[in-house]
Amino acid sequence: MTTDERWKRGAEEFSAVTGLPAPARGDGYMADVVIDQVFAEIWTRPGLTRKERRWISITCACMTGTPIAMEAHFAGALRSGDVSIDELREFVVHFAAYAGHPRATAARAALDASWAALSEQ
């Protein structure tokens, strides 16, 4: 596979996962590193469904407590239709039992922000 084919595969997967158009190649870190590595190689591997990978990614983003990561993963899950708002709300409840209420509160705030932003569109 050529570098161009790999990037194209990553860009297509990025769009499928996030529900957004991929940034143009050469537009920085997201376009040149994340698409090439994460989306071209990790998200396209066999062995797990996209929904299973989605749950892993959401959990990891929530464990970091980083709002931008949580909001990006929640919004992508909702935009793509991989996960419903009800499933994500239940995820936060389950997440609280294992990661703690402070992290779950941050996750719920990010989910609410993502849902509100998508609902306005």
PDB file of N, CA and C in Angstrom:
ATOM      1  N   MET A   1       0.847  -1.166   0.000  1.00  0.00           N
ATOM      2  CA  MET A   1       0.000   0.000   0.000  1.00  0.00           C
ATOM      3  C   MET A   1       0.903   1.244   0.000  1.00  0.00           C
ATOM      4  N   THR A   2       0.579   2.174  -0.858  1.00  0.00           N
ATOM      5  CA  THR A   2       1.362   3.401  -0.930  1.00  0.00           C
ATOM      6  C   THR A   2       0.979   4.334   0.219  1.00  0.00           C
ATOM      7  N   THR A   3       1.801   5.333   0.433  1.00  0.00           N
ATOM      8  CA  THR A   3       1.518   6.334   1.455  1.00  0.00           C
ATOM      9  C   THR A   3       0.211   7.054   1.153  1.00  0.00           C
ATOM     10  N   ASP A   4      -0.022   7.347  -0.118  1.00  0.00           N
ATOM     11  CA  ASP A   4      -1.274   8.014  -0.505  1.00  0.00           C
ATOM     12  C   ASP A   4      -2.488   7.130  -0.241  1.00  0.00           C
ATOM     13  N   GLU A   5      -2.377   5.840  -0.532  1.00  0.00           N
ATOM     14  CA  GLU A   5      -3.483   4.910  -0.283  1.00  0.00           C
ATOM     15  C   GLU A   5      -3.751   4.793   1.214  1.00  0.00           C
ATOM     16  N   ARG A   6      -2.683   4.739   2.006  1.00  0.00           N
ATOM     17  CA  ARG A   6      -2.826   4.636   3.462  1.00  0.00           C
ATOM     18  C   ARG A   6      -3.538   5.881   3.989  1.00  0.00           C
ATOM     19  N   TRP A   7      -3.108   7.069   3.534  1.00  0.00           N
ATOM     20  CA  TRP A   7      -3.732   8.295   4.006  1.00  0.00           C
ATOM     21  C   TRP A   7      -5.197   8.347   3.592  1.00  0.00           C
ATOM     22  N   LYS A   8      -5.490   7.946   2.368  1.00  0.00           N
ATOM     23  CA  LYS A   8      -6.876   7.952   1.886  1.00  0.00           C
ATOM     24  C   LYS A   8      -7.731   7.014   2.736  1.00  0.00           C
ATOM     25  N   ARG A   9      -7.210   5.828   3.061  1.00  0.00           N
ATOM     26  CA  ARG A   9      -7.935   4.894   3.926  1.00  0.00           C
ATOM     27  C   ARG A   9      -8.194   5.538   5.287  1.00  0.00           C
ATOM     28  N   GLY A  10      -7.172   6.197   5.828  1.00  0.00           N
ATOM     29  CA  GLY A  10      -7.328   6.875   7.112  1.00  0.00           C
ATOM     30  C   GLY A  10      -8.341   8.002   7.059  1.00  0.00           C
ATOM     31  N   ALA A  11      -8.321   8.774   5.972  1.00  0.00           N
ATOM     32  CA  ALA A  11      -9.273   9.882   5.818  1.00  0.00           C
ATOM     33  C   ALA A  11     -10.703   9.369   5.714  1.00  0.00           C
ATOM     34  N   GLU A  12     -10.904   8.277   4.995  1.00  0.00           N
ATOM     35  CA  GLU A  12     -12.239   7.686   4.875  1.00  0.00           C
ATOM     36  C   GLU A  12     -12.727   7.177   6.233  1.00  0.00           C
ATOM     37  N   GLU A  13     -11.835   6.540   6.973  1.00  0.00           N
ATOM     38  CA  GLU A  13     -12.213   6.022   8.293  1.00  0.00           C
ATOM     39  C   GLU A  13     -12.481   7.177   9.255  1.00  0.00           C
ATOM     40  N   PHE A  14     -11.682   8.225   9.191  1.00  0.00           N
ATOM     41  CA  PHE A  14     -11.900   9.415  10.012  1.00  0.00           C
ATOM     42  C   PHE A  14     -13.314   9.937   9.799  1.00  0.00           C
ATOM     43  N   SER A  15     -13.726  10.069   8.551  1.00  0.00           N
ATOM     44  CA  SER A  15     -15.067  10.575   8.241  1.00  0.00           C
ATOM     45  C   SER A  15     -16.152   9.635   8.751  1.00  0.00           C
ATOM     46  N   ALA A  16     -15.937   8.320   8.609  1.00  0.00           N
ATOM     47  CA  ALA A  16     -16.924   7.347   9.091  1.00  0.00           C
ATOM     48  C   ALA A  16     -17.037   7.381  10.606  1.00  0.00           C
ATOM     49  N   VAL A  17     -15.923   7.538  11.285  1.00  0.00           N
ATOM     50  CA  VAL A  17     -15.907   7.510  12.750  1.00  0.00           C
ATOM     51  C   VAL A  17     -16.399   8.820  13.348  1.00  0.00           C
ATOM     52  N   THR A  18     -15.970   9.936  12.794  1.00  0.00           N
ATOM     53  CA  THR A  18     -16.310  11.230  13.393  1.00  0.00           C
ATOM     54  C   THR A  18     -17.576  11.853  12.825  1.00  0.00           C
ATOM     55  N   GLY A  19     -17.969  11.423  11.625  1.00  0.00           N
ATOM     56  CA  GLY A  19     -19.111  12.039  10.973  1.00  0.00           C
ATOM     57  C   GLY A  19     -18.782  13.402  10.386  1.00  0.00           C
ATOM     58  N   LEU A  20     -17.495  13.693  10.276  1.00  0.00           N
ATOM     59  CA  LEU A  20     -17.025  14.969   9.734  1.00  0.00           C
ATOM     60  C   LEU A  20     -16.122  14.718   8.537  1.00  0.00           C
ATOM     61  N   PRO A  21     -15.997  15.669   7.649  1.00  0.00           N
ATOM     62  CA  PRO A  21     -15.028  15.509   6.567  1.00  0.00           C
ATOM     63  C   PRO A  21     -13.608  15.530   7.136  1.00  0.00           C
ATOM     64  N   ALA A  22     -12.742  14.754   6.548  1.00  0.00           N
ATOM     65  CA  ALA A  22     -11.344  14.731   6.985  1.00  0.00           C
ATOM     66  C   ALA A  22     -10.674  16.044   6.622  1.00  0.00           C
ATOM     67  N   PRO A  23      -9.783  16.525   7.484  1.00  0.00           N
ATOM     68  CA  PRO A  23      -9.032  17.727   7.118  1.00  0.00           C
ATOM     69  C   PRO A  23      -8.124  17.419   5.930  1.00  0.00           C
ATOM     70  N   ALA A  24      -7.769  18.433   5.206  1.00  0.00           N
ATOM     71  CA  ALA A  24      -6.899  18.247   4.039  1.00  0.00           C
ATOM     72  C   ALA A  24      -5.514  17.795   4.482  1.00  0.00           C
ATOM     73  N   ARG A  25      -4.949  16.941   3.705  1.00  0.00           N
ATOM     74  CA  ARG A  25      -3.593  16.474   3.985  1.00  0.00           C
ATOM     75  C   ARG A  25      -2.675  17.698   4.017  1.00  0.00           C
ATOM     76  N   GLY A  26      -1.799  17.727   5.011  1.00  0.00           N
ATOM     77  CA  GLY A  26      -0.893  18.858   5.147  1.00  0.00           C
ATOM     78  C   GLY A  26      -1.423  19.952   6.055  1.00  0.00           C
ATOM     79  N   ASP A  27      -2.639  19.756   6.629  1.00  0.00           N
ATOM     80  CA  ASP A  27      -3.242  20.770   7.498  1.00  0.00           C
ATOM     81  C   ASP A  27      -2.877  20.598   8.970  1.00  0.00           C
ATOM     82  N   GLY A  28      -1.794  19.932   9.247  1.00  0.00           N
ATOM     83  CA  GLY A  28      -1.330  19.861  10.628  1.00  0.00           C
ATOM     84  C   GLY A  28      -1.426  18.485  11.255  1.00  0.00           C
ATOM     85  N   TYR A  29      -1.336  18.485  12.560  1.00  0.00           N
ATOM     86  CA  TYR A  29      -1.248  17.256  13.356  1.00  0.00           C
ATOM     87  C   TYR A  29      -2.391  16.286  13.073  1.00  0.00           C
ATOM     88  N   MET A  30      -3.625  16.766  13.097  1.00  0.00           N
ATOM     89  CA  MET A  30      -4.767  15.873  12.882  1.00  0.00           C
ATOM     90  C   MET A  30      -4.696  15.244  11.498  1.00  0.00           C
ATOM     91  N   ALA A  31      -4.404  16.055  10.492  1.00  0.00           N
ATOM     92  CA  ALA A  31      -4.384  15.569   9.113  1.00  0.00           C
ATOM     93  C   ALA A  31      -3.203  14.655   8.844  1.00  0.00           C
ATOM     94  N   ASP A  32      -2.068  14.981   9.397  1.00  0.00           N
ATOM     95  CA  ASP A  32      -0.853  14.269   9.013  1.00  0.00           C
ATOM     96  C   ASP A  32      -0.419  13.163   9.964  1.00  0.00           C
ATOM     97  N   VAL A  33      -0.845  13.225  11.198  1.00  0.00           N
ATOM     98  CA  VAL A  33      -0.426  12.196  12.154  1.00  0.00           C
ATOM     99  C   VAL A  33      -1.609  11.325  12.569  1.00  0.00           C
ATOM    100  N   VAL A  34      -2.656  11.946  13.071  1.00  0.00           N
ATOM    101  CA  VAL A  34      -3.779  11.171  13.594  1.00  0.00           C
ATOM    102  C   VAL A  34      -4.459  10.372  12.482  1.00  0.00           C
ATOM    103  N   ILE A  35      -4.716  10.987  11.349  1.00  0.00           N
ATOM    104  CA  ILE A  35      -5.357  10.248  10.255  1.00  0.00           C
ATOM    105  C   ILE A  35      -4.452   9.129   9.770  1.00  0.00           C
ATOM    106  N   ASP A  36      -3.193   9.426   9.598  1.00  0.00           N
ATOM    107  CA  ASP A  36      -2.252   8.428   9.084  1.00  0.00           C
ATOM    108  C   ASP A  36      -2.035   7.272  10.044  1.00  0.00           C
ATOM    109  N   GLN A  37      -1.923   7.554  11.325  1.00  0.00           N
ATOM    110  CA  GLN A  37      -1.627   6.499  12.290  1.00  0.00           C
ATOM    111  C   GLN A  37      -2.880   5.894  12.922  1.00  0.00           C
ATOM    112  N   VAL A  38      -3.664   6.732  13.560  1.00  0.00           N
ATOM    113  CA  VAL A  38      -4.807   6.223  14.318  1.00  0.00           C
ATOM    114  C   VAL A  38      -5.903   5.680  13.406  1.00  0.00           C
ATOM    115  N   PHE A  39      -6.295   6.465  12.410  1.00  0.00           N
ATOM    116  CA  PHE A  39      -7.427   6.046  11.587  1.00  0.00           C
ATOM    117  C   PHE A  39      -7.030   5.087  10.473  1.00  0.00           C
ATOM    118  N   ALA A  40      -5.864   5.236   9.893  1.00  0.00           N
ATOM    119  CA  ALA A  40      -5.447   4.325   8.817  1.00  0.00           C
ATOM    120  C   ALA A  40      -5.007   2.970   9.364  1.00  0.00           C
ATOM    121  N   GLU A  41      -4.482   2.944  10.576  1.00  0.00           N
ATOM    122  CA  GLU A  41      -3.934   1.695  11.111  1.00  0.00           C
ATOM    123  C   GLU A  41      -4.756   1.075  12.239  1.00  0.00           C
ATOM    124  N   ILE A  42      -5.174   1.845  13.218  1.00  0.00           N
ATOM    125  CA  ILE A  42      -5.846   1.277  14.400  1.00  0.00           C
ATOM    126  C   ILE A  42      -7.330   1.028  14.148  1.00  0.00           C
ATOM    127  N   TRP A  43      -8.040   2.036  13.651  1.00  0.00           N
ATOM    128  CA  TRP A  43      -9.485   1.899  13.466  1.00  0.00           C
ATOM    129  C   TRP A  43      -9.848   0.936  12.342  1.00  0.00           C
ATOM    130  N   THR A  44      -8.928   0.616  11.467  1.00  0.00           N
ATOM    131  CA  THR A  44      -9.237  -0.277  10.342  1.00  0.00           C
ATOM    132  C   THR A  44      -8.759  -1.706  10.559  1.00  0.00           C
ATOM    133  N   ARG A  45      -8.168  -1.988  11.711  1.00  0.00           N
ATOM    134  CA  ARG A  45      -7.697  -3.347  11.988  1.00  0.00           C
ATOM    135  C   ARG A  45      -8.878  -4.316  12.105  1.00  0.00           C
ATOM    136  N   PRO A  46      -8.655  -5.571  11.755  1.00  0.00           N
ATOM    137  CA  PRO A  46      -9.702  -6.582  11.983  1.00  0.00           C
ATOM    138  C   PRO A  46      -9.751  -6.951  13.470  1.00  0.00           C
ATOM    139  N   GLY A  47     -10.815  -7.594  13.875  1.00  0.00           N
ATOM    140  CA  GLY A  47     -10.877  -8.140  15.227  1.00  0.00           C
ATOM    141  C   GLY A  47     -11.882  -7.480  16.143  1.00  0.00           C
ATOM    142  N   LEU A  48     -12.169  -6.199  15.938  1.00  0.00           N
ATOM    143  CA  LEU A  48     -13.180  -5.497  16.726  1.00  0.00           C
ATOM    144  C   LEU A  48     -14.078  -4.730  15.768  1.00  0.00           C
ATOM    145  N   THR A  49     -15.317  -4.582  16.144  1.00  0.00           N
ATOM    146  CA  THR A  49     -16.218  -3.758  15.344  1.00  0.00           C
ATOM    147  C   THR A  49     -15.913  -2.283  15.614  1.00  0.00           C
ATOM    148  N   ARG A  50     -16.437  -1.436  14.765  1.00  0.00           N
ATOM    149  CA  ARG A  50     -16.259  -0.001  14.997  1.00  0.00           C
ATOM    150  C   ARG A  50     -16.923   0.399  16.305  1.00  0.00           C
ATOM    151  N   LYS A  51     -18.063  -0.167  16.632  1.00  0.00           N
ATOM    152  CA  LYS A  51     -18.741   0.179  17.884  1.00  0.00           C
ATOM    153  C   LYS A  51     -17.906  -0.259  19.091  1.00  0.00           C
ATOM    154  N   GLU A  52     -17.285  -1.415  19.016  1.00  0.00           N
ATOM    155  CA  GLU A  52     -16.417  -1.859  20.115  1.00  0.00           C
ATOM    156  C   GLU A  52     -15.226  -0.916  20.273  1.00  0.00           C
ATOM    157  N   ARG A  53     -14.611  -0.545  19.156  1.00  0.00           N
ATOM    158  CA  ARG A  53     -13.502   0.414  19.214  1.00  0.00           C
ATOM    159  C   ARG A  53     -13.979   1.756  19.764  1.00  0.00           C
ATOM    160  N   ARG A  54     -15.177   2.129  19.400  1.00  0.00           N
ATOM    161  CA  ARG A  54     -15.760   3.379  19.878  1.00  0.00           C
ATOM    162  C   ARG A  54     -15.851   3.370  21.404  1.00  0.00           C
ATOM    163  N   TRP A  55     -16.379   2.284  21.991  1.00  0.00           N
ATOM    164  CA  TRP A  55     -16.512   2.213  23.451  1.00  0.00           C
ATOM    165  C   TRP A  55     -15.153   2.292  24.136  1.00  0.00           C
ATOM    166  N   ILE A  56     -14.157   1.636  23.582  1.00  0.00           N
ATOM    167  CA  ILE A  56     -12.808   1.698  24.154  1.00  0.00           C
ATOM    168  C   ILE A  56     -12.299   3.135  24.107  1.00  0.00           C
ATOM    169  N   SER A  57     -12.464   3.786  22.977  1.00  0.00           N
ATOM    170  CA  SER A  57     -11.978   5.158  22.817  1.00  0.00           C
ATOM    171  C   SER A  57     -12.702   6.129  23.742  1.00  0.00           C
ATOM    172  N   ILE A  58     -14.009   5.970  23.870  1.00  0.00           N
ATOM    173  CA  ILE A  58     -14.776   6.833  24.770  1.00  0.00           C
ATOM    174  C   ILE A  58     -14.299   6.636  26.204  1.00  0.00           C
ATOM    175  N   THR A  59     -14.119   5.403  26.605  1.00  0.00           N
ATOM    176  CA  THR A  59     -13.654   5.125  27.968  1.00  0.00           C
ATOM    177  C   THR A  59     -12.290   5.756  28.216  1.00  0.00           C
ATOM    178  N   CYS A  60     -11.383   5.592  27.277  1.00  0.00           N
ATOM    179  CA  CYS A  60     -10.043   6.174  27.433  1.00  0.00           C
ATOM    180  C   CYS A  60     -10.106   7.696  27.483  1.00  0.00           C
ATOM    181  N   ALA A  61     -10.913   8.300  26.618  1.00  0.00           N
ATOM    182  CA  ALA A  61     -11.052   9.758  26.632  1.00  0.00           C
ATOM    183  C   ALA A  61     -11.609  10.222  27.966  1.00  0.00           C
ATOM    184  N   CYS A  62     -12.588   9.506  28.491  1.00  0.00           N
ATOM    185  CA  CYS A  62     -13.179   9.881  29.775  1.00  0.00           C
ATOM    186  C   CYS A  62     -12.200   9.674  30.928  1.00  0.00           C
ATOM    187  N   MET A  63     -11.362   8.683  30.836  1.00  0.00           N
ATOM    188  CA  MET A  63     -10.360   8.467  31.886  1.00  0.00           C
ATOM    189  C   MET A  63      -9.357   9.615  31.936  1.00  0.00           C
ATOM    190  N   THR A  64      -9.078  10.233  30.803  1.00  0.00           N
ATOM    191  CA  THR A  64      -8.148  11.368  30.808  1.00  0.00           C
ATOM    192  C   THR A  64      -8.788  12.602  31.421  1.00  0.00           C
ATOM    193  N   GLY A  65     -10.109  12.693  31.318  1.00  0.00           N
ATOM    194  CA  GLY A  65     -10.806  13.863  31.824  1.00  0.00           C
ATOM    195  C   GLY A  65     -10.637  15.095  30.954  1.00  0.00           C
ATOM    196  N   THR A  66     -10.139  14.916  29.746  1.00  0.00           N
ATOM    197  CA  THR A  66      -9.890  16.035  28.846  1.00  0.00           C
ATOM    198  C   THR A  66     -11.172  16.377  28.088  1.00  0.00           C
ATOM    199  N   PRO A  67     -11.745  17.555  28.341  1.00  0.00           N
ATOM    200  CA  PRO A  67     -13.023  17.890  27.710  1.00  0.00           C
ATOM    201  C   PRO A  67     -13.010  17.776  26.184  1.00  0.00           C
ATOM    202  N   ILE A  68     -11.982  18.267  25.530  1.00  0.00           N
ATOM    203  CA  ILE A  68     -11.979  18.235  24.064  1.00  0.00           C
ATOM    204  C   ILE A  68     -11.999  16.802  23.542  1.00  0.00           C
ATOM    205  N   ALA A  69     -11.284  15.896  24.199  1.00  0.00           N
ATOM    206  CA  ALA A  69     -11.274  14.493  23.775  1.00  0.00           C
ATOM    207  C   ALA A  69     -12.626  13.842  24.029  1.00  0.00           C
ATOM    208  N   MET A  70     -13.182  14.090  25.214  1.00  0.00           N
ATOM    209  CA  MET A  70     -14.487  13.499  25.525  1.00  0.00           C
ATOM    210  C   MET A  70     -15.552  14.015  24.564  1.00  0.00           C
ATOM    211  N   GLU A  71     -15.591  15.319  24.364  1.00  0.00           N
ATOM    212  CA  GLU A  71     -16.609  15.899  23.479  1.00  0.00           C
ATOM    213  C   GLU A  71     -16.445  15.400  22.045  1.00  0.00           C
ATOM    214  N   ALA A  72     -15.208  15.277  21.586  1.00  0.00           N
ATOM    215  CA  ALA A  72     -14.974  14.789  20.216  1.00  0.00           C
ATOM    216  C   ALA A  72     -15.465  13.359  20.058  1.00  0.00           C
ATOM    217  N   HIS A  73     -15.185  12.515  21.038  1.00  0.00           N
ATOM    218  CA  HIS A  73     -15.610  11.113  20.935  1.00  0.00           C
ATOM    219  C   HIS A  73     -17.117  10.962  21.105  1.00  0.00           C
ATOM    220  N   PHE A  74     -17.701  11.706  22.028  1.00  0.00           N
ATOM    221  CA  PHE A  74     -19.158  11.650  22.178  1.00  0.00           C
ATOM    222  C   PHE A  74     -19.854  12.147  20.908  1.00  0.00           C
ATOM    223  N   ALA A  75     -19.411  13.275  20.393  1.00  0.00           N
ATOM    224  CA  ALA A  75     -20.037  13.837  19.191  1.00  0.00           C
ATOM    225  C   ALA A  75     -19.881  12.900  18.000  1.00  0.00           C
ATOM    226  N   GLY A  76     -18.706  12.315  17.840  1.00  0.00           N
ATOM    227  CA  GLY A  76     -18.496  11.376  16.736  1.00  0.00           C
ATOM    228  C   GLY A  76     -19.409  10.173  16.845  1.00  0.00           C
ATOM    229  N   ALA A  77     -19.555   9.656  18.055  1.00  0.00           N
ATOM    230  CA  ALA A  77     -20.434   8.500  18.267  1.00  0.00           C
ATOM    231  C   ALA A  77     -21.875   8.837  17.912  1.00  0.00           C
ATOM    232  N   LEU A  78     -22.304  10.022  18.298  1.00  0.00           N
ATOM    233  CA  LEU A  78     -23.680  10.440  18.012  1.00  0.00           C
ATOM    234  C   LEU A  78     -23.882  10.755  16.535  1.00  0.00           C
ATOM    235  N   ARG A  79     -22.944  11.498  15.940  1.00  0.00           N
ATOM    236  CA  ARG A  79     -23.075  11.858  14.520  1.00  0.00           C
ATOM    237  C   ARG A  79     -23.089  10.632  13.622  1.00  0.00           C
ATOM    238  N   SER A  80     -22.248   9.653  13.934  1.00  0.00           N
ATOM    239  CA  SER A  80     -22.147   8.460  13.088  1.00  0.00           C
ATOM    240  C   SER A  80     -23.318   7.509  13.294  1.00  0.00           C
ATOM    241  N   GLY A  81     -24.015   7.655  14.410  1.00  0.00           N
ATOM    242  CA  GLY A  81     -25.117   6.747  14.721  1.00  0.00           C
ATOM    243  C   GLY A  81     -24.656   5.442  15.344  1.00  0.00           C
ATOM    244  N   ASP A  82     -23.365   5.348  15.650  1.00  0.00           N
ATOM    245  CA  ASP A  82     -22.842   4.123  16.267  1.00  0.00           C
ATOM    246  C   ASP A  82     -23.421   3.890  17.655  1.00  0.00           C
ATOM    247  N   VAL A  83     -23.696   4.982  18.374  1.00  0.00           N
ATOM    248  CA  VAL A  83     -24.147   4.901  19.757  1.00  0.00           C
ATOM    249  C   VAL A  83     -25.238   5.958  19.953  1.00  0.00           C
ATOM    250  N   SER A  84     -26.253   5.605  20.705  1.00  0.00           N
ATOM    251  CA  SER A  84     -27.351   6.545  20.948  1.00  0.00           C
ATOM    252  C   SER A  84     -27.070   7.390  22.189  1.00  0.00           C
ATOM    253  N   ILE A  85     -27.803   8.471  22.319  1.00  0.00           N
ATOM    254  CA  ILE A  85     -27.667   9.318  23.507  1.00  0.00           C
ATOM    255  C   ILE A  85     -28.037   8.537  24.763  1.00  0.00           C
ATOM    256  N   ASP A  86     -29.047   7.666  24.680  1.00  0.00           N
ATOM    257  CA  ASP A  86     -29.433   6.870  25.851  1.00  0.00           C
ATOM    258  C   ASP A  86     -28.314   5.907  26.252  1.00  0.00           C
ATOM    259  N   GLU A  87     -27.660   5.299  25.270  1.00  0.00           N
ATOM    260  CA  GLU A  87     -26.531   4.413  25.588  1.00  0.00           C
ATOM    261  C   GLU A  87     -25.393   5.200  26.226  1.00  0.00           C
ATOM    262  N   LEU A  88     -25.130   6.387  25.725  1.00  0.00           N
ATOM    263  CA  LEU A  88     -24.046   7.194  26.292  1.00  0.00           C
ATOM    264  C   LEU A  88     -24.372   7.655  27.707  1.00  0.00           C
ATOM    265  N   ARG A  89     -25.606   7.997  27.955  1.00  0.00           N
ATOM    266  CA  ARG A  89     -25.996   8.377  29.321  1.00  0.00           C
ATOM    267  C   ARG A  89     -25.839   7.199  30.280  1.00  0.00           C
ATOM    268  N   GLU A  90     -26.207   6.015  29.821  1.00  0.00           N
ATOM    269  CA  GLU A  90     -26.026   4.819  30.651  1.00  0.00           C
ATOM    270  C   GLU A  90     -24.548   4.508  30.832  1.00  0.00           C
ATOM    271  N   PHE A  91     -23.742   4.750  29.795  1.00  0.00           N
ATOM    272  CA  PHE A  91     -22.294   4.578  29.912  1.00  0.00           C
ATOM    273  C   PHE A  91     -21.757   5.408  31.080  1.00  0.00           C
ATOM    274  N   VAL A  92     -22.204   6.663  31.195  1.00  0.00           N
ATOM    275  CA  VAL A  92     -21.705   7.539  32.253  1.00  0.00           C
ATOM    276  C   VAL A  92     -22.034   6.963  33.627  1.00  0.00           C
ATOM    277  N   VAL A  93     -23.225   6.415  33.789  1.00  0.00           N
ATOM    278  CA  VAL A  93     -23.611   5.803  35.064  1.00  0.00           C
ATOM    279  C   VAL A  93     -22.688   4.621  35.375  1.00  0.00           C
ATOM    280  N   HIS A  94     -22.478   3.772  34.404  1.00  0.00           N
ATOM    281  CA  HIS A  94     -21.607   2.597  34.595  1.00  0.00           C
ATOM    282  C   HIS A  94     -20.161   3.044  34.835  1.00  0.00           C
ATOM    283  N   PHE A  95     -19.718   4.019  34.072  1.00  0.00           N
ATOM    284  CA  PHE A  95     -18.365   4.562  34.198  1.00  0.00           C
ATOM    285  C   PHE A  95     -18.122   5.082  35.615  1.00  0.00           C
ATOM    286  N   ALA A  96     -19.123   5.708  36.220  1.00  0.00           N
ATOM    287  CA  ALA A  96     -18.984   6.253  37.569  1.00  0.00           C
ATOM    288  C   ALA A  96     -18.627   5.182  38.587  1.00  0.00           C
ATOM    289  N   ALA A  97     -19.209   3.998  38.419  1.00  0.00           N
ATOM    290  CA  ALA A  97     -18.952   2.915  39.370  1.00  0.00           C
ATOM    291  C   ALA A  97     -17.494   2.445  39.337  1.00  0.00           C
ATOM    292  N   TYR A  98     -16.848   2.572  38.201  1.00  0.00           N
ATOM    293  CA  TYR A  98     -15.481   2.084  38.046  1.00  0.00           C
ATOM    294  C   TYR A  98     -14.429   3.176  38.067  1.00  0.00           C
ATOM    295  N   ALA A  99     -14.777   4.372  37.605  1.00  0.00           N
ATOM    296  CA  ALA A  99     -13.785   5.448  37.501  1.00  0.00           C
ATOM    297  C   ALA A  99     -13.993   6.548  38.542  1.00  0.00           C
ATOM    298  N   GLY A 100     -15.143   6.537  39.189  1.00  0.00           N
ATOM    299  CA  GLY A 100     -15.416   7.538  40.206  1.00  0.00           C
ATOM    300  C   GLY A 100     -16.357   8.626  39.710  1.00  0.00           C
ATOM    301  N   HIS A 101     -17.048   9.207  40.659  1.00  0.00           N
ATOM    302  CA  HIS A 101     -18.043  10.230  40.321  1.00  0.00           C
ATOM    303  C   HIS A 101     -17.441  11.530  39.799  1.00  0.00           C
ATOM    304  N   PRO A 102     -16.279  11.973  40.280  1.00  0.00           N
ATOM    305  CA  PRO A 102     -15.724  13.196  39.681  1.00  0.00           C
ATOM    306  C   PRO A 102     -15.441  13.036  38.177  1.00  0.00           C
ATOM    307  N   ARG A 103     -14.872  11.917  37.780  1.00  0.00           N
ATOM    308  CA  ARG A 103     -14.630  11.687  36.351  1.00  0.00           C
ATOM    309  C   ARG A 103     -15.944  11.524  35.593  1.00  0.00           C
ATOM    310  N   ALA A 104     -16.896  10.848  36.191  1.00  0.00           N
ATOM    311  CA  ALA A 104     -18.187  10.662  35.523  1.00  0.00           C
ATOM    312  C   ALA A 104     -18.931  11.988  35.390  1.00  0.00           C
ATOM    313  N   THR A 105     -18.794  12.850  36.368  1.00  0.00           N
ATOM    314  CA  THR A 105     -19.428  14.172  36.284  1.00  0.00           C
ATOM    315  C   THR A 105     -18.833  14.968  35.133  1.00  0.00           C
ATOM    316  N   ALA A 106     -17.517  14.888  34.986  1.00  0.00           N
ATOM    317  CA  ALA A 106     -16.863  15.565  33.850  1.00  0.00           C
ATOM    318  C   ALA A 106     -17.307  14.943  32.527  1.00  0.00           C
ATOM    319  N   ALA A 107     -17.442  13.622  32.503  1.00  0.00           N
ATOM    320  CA  ALA A 107     -17.895  12.944  31.289  1.00  0.00           C
ATOM    321  C   ALA A 107     -19.328  13.350  30.947  1.00  0.00           C
ATOM    322  N   ARG A 108     -20.177  13.433  31.942  1.00  0.00           N
ATOM    323  CA  ARG A 108     -21.575  13.819  31.696  1.00  0.00           C
ATOM    324  C   ARG A 108     -21.648  15.263  31.193  1.00  0.00           C
ATOM    325  N   ALA A 109     -20.817  16.138  31.738  1.00  0.00           N
ATOM    326  CA  ALA A 109     -20.794  17.520  31.260  1.00  0.00           C
ATOM    327  C   ALA A 109     -20.356  17.575  29.798  1.00  0.00           C
ATOM    328  N   ALA A 110     -19.356  16.786  29.439  1.00  0.00           N
ATOM    329  CA  ALA A 110     -18.890  16.739  28.046  1.00  0.00           C
ATOM    330  C   ALA A 110     -19.967  16.146  27.142  1.00  0.00           C
ATOM    331  N   LEU A 111     -20.647  15.113  27.619  1.00  0.00           N
ATOM    332  CA  LEU A 111     -21.734  14.516  26.839  1.00  0.00           C
ATOM    333  C   LEU A 111     -22.854  15.522  26.633  1.00  0.00           C
ATOM    334  N   ASP A 112     -23.235  16.204  27.688  1.00  0.00           N
ATOM    335  CA  ASP A 112     -24.304  17.203  27.573  1.00  0.00           C
ATOM    336  C   ASP A 112     -23.912  18.319  26.603  1.00  0.00           C
ATOM    337  N   ALA A 113     -22.655  18.750  26.651  1.00  0.00           N
ATOM    338  CA  ALA A 113     -22.186  19.796  25.732  1.00  0.00           C
ATOM    339  C   ALA A 113     -22.219  19.297  24.289  1.00  0.00           C
ATOM    340  N   SER A 114     -21.797  18.073  24.090  1.00  0.00           N
ATOM    341  CA  SER A 114     -21.809  17.495  22.739  1.00  0.00           C
ATOM    342  C   SER A 114     -23.234  17.372  22.208  1.00  0.00           C
ATOM    343  N   TRP A 115     -24.115  16.875  23.039  1.00  0.00           N
ATOM    344  CA  TRP A 115     -25.516  16.675  22.640  1.00  0.00           C
ATOM    345  C   TRP A 115     -26.171  18.022  22.335  1.00  0.00           C
ATOM    346  N   ALA A 116     -25.900  19.019  23.166  1.00  0.00           N
ATOM    347  CA  ALA A 116     -26.478  20.343  22.931  1.00  0.00           C
ATOM    348  C   ALA A 116     -25.978  20.931  21.620  1.00  0.00           C
ATOM    349  N   ALA A 117     -24.677  20.804  21.366  1.00  0.00           N
ATOM    350  CA  ALA A 117     -24.115  21.350  20.122  1.00  0.00           C
ATOM    351  C   ALA A 117     -24.703  20.655  18.905  1.00  0.00           C
ATOM    352  N   LEU A 118     -24.868  19.355  18.970  1.00  0.00           N
ATOM    353  CA  LEU A 118     -25.441  18.609  17.839  1.00  0.00           C
ATOM    354  C   LEU A 118     -26.927  18.913  17.662  1.00  0.00           C
ATOM    355  N   SER A 119     -27.610  19.136  18.752  1.00  0.00           N
ATOM    356  CA  SER A 119     -29.041  19.429  18.694  1.00  0.00           C
ATOM    357  C   SER A 119     -29.319  20.793  18.075  1.00  0.00           C
ATOM    358  N   GLU A 120     -28.353  21.699  18.164  1.00  0.00           N
ATOM    359  CA  GLU A 120     -28.513  23.032  17.586  1.00  0.00           C
ATOM    360  C   GLU A 120     -28.322  23.046  16.088  1.00  0.00           C
ATOM    361  N   GLN A 121     -27.710  22.023  15.551  1.00  0.00           N
ATOM    362  CA  GLN A 121     -27.403  21.984  14.113  1.00  0.00           C
ATOM    363  C   GLN A 121     -28.622  21.681  13.291  1.00  0.00           C
TER     364      GLN A 121
END
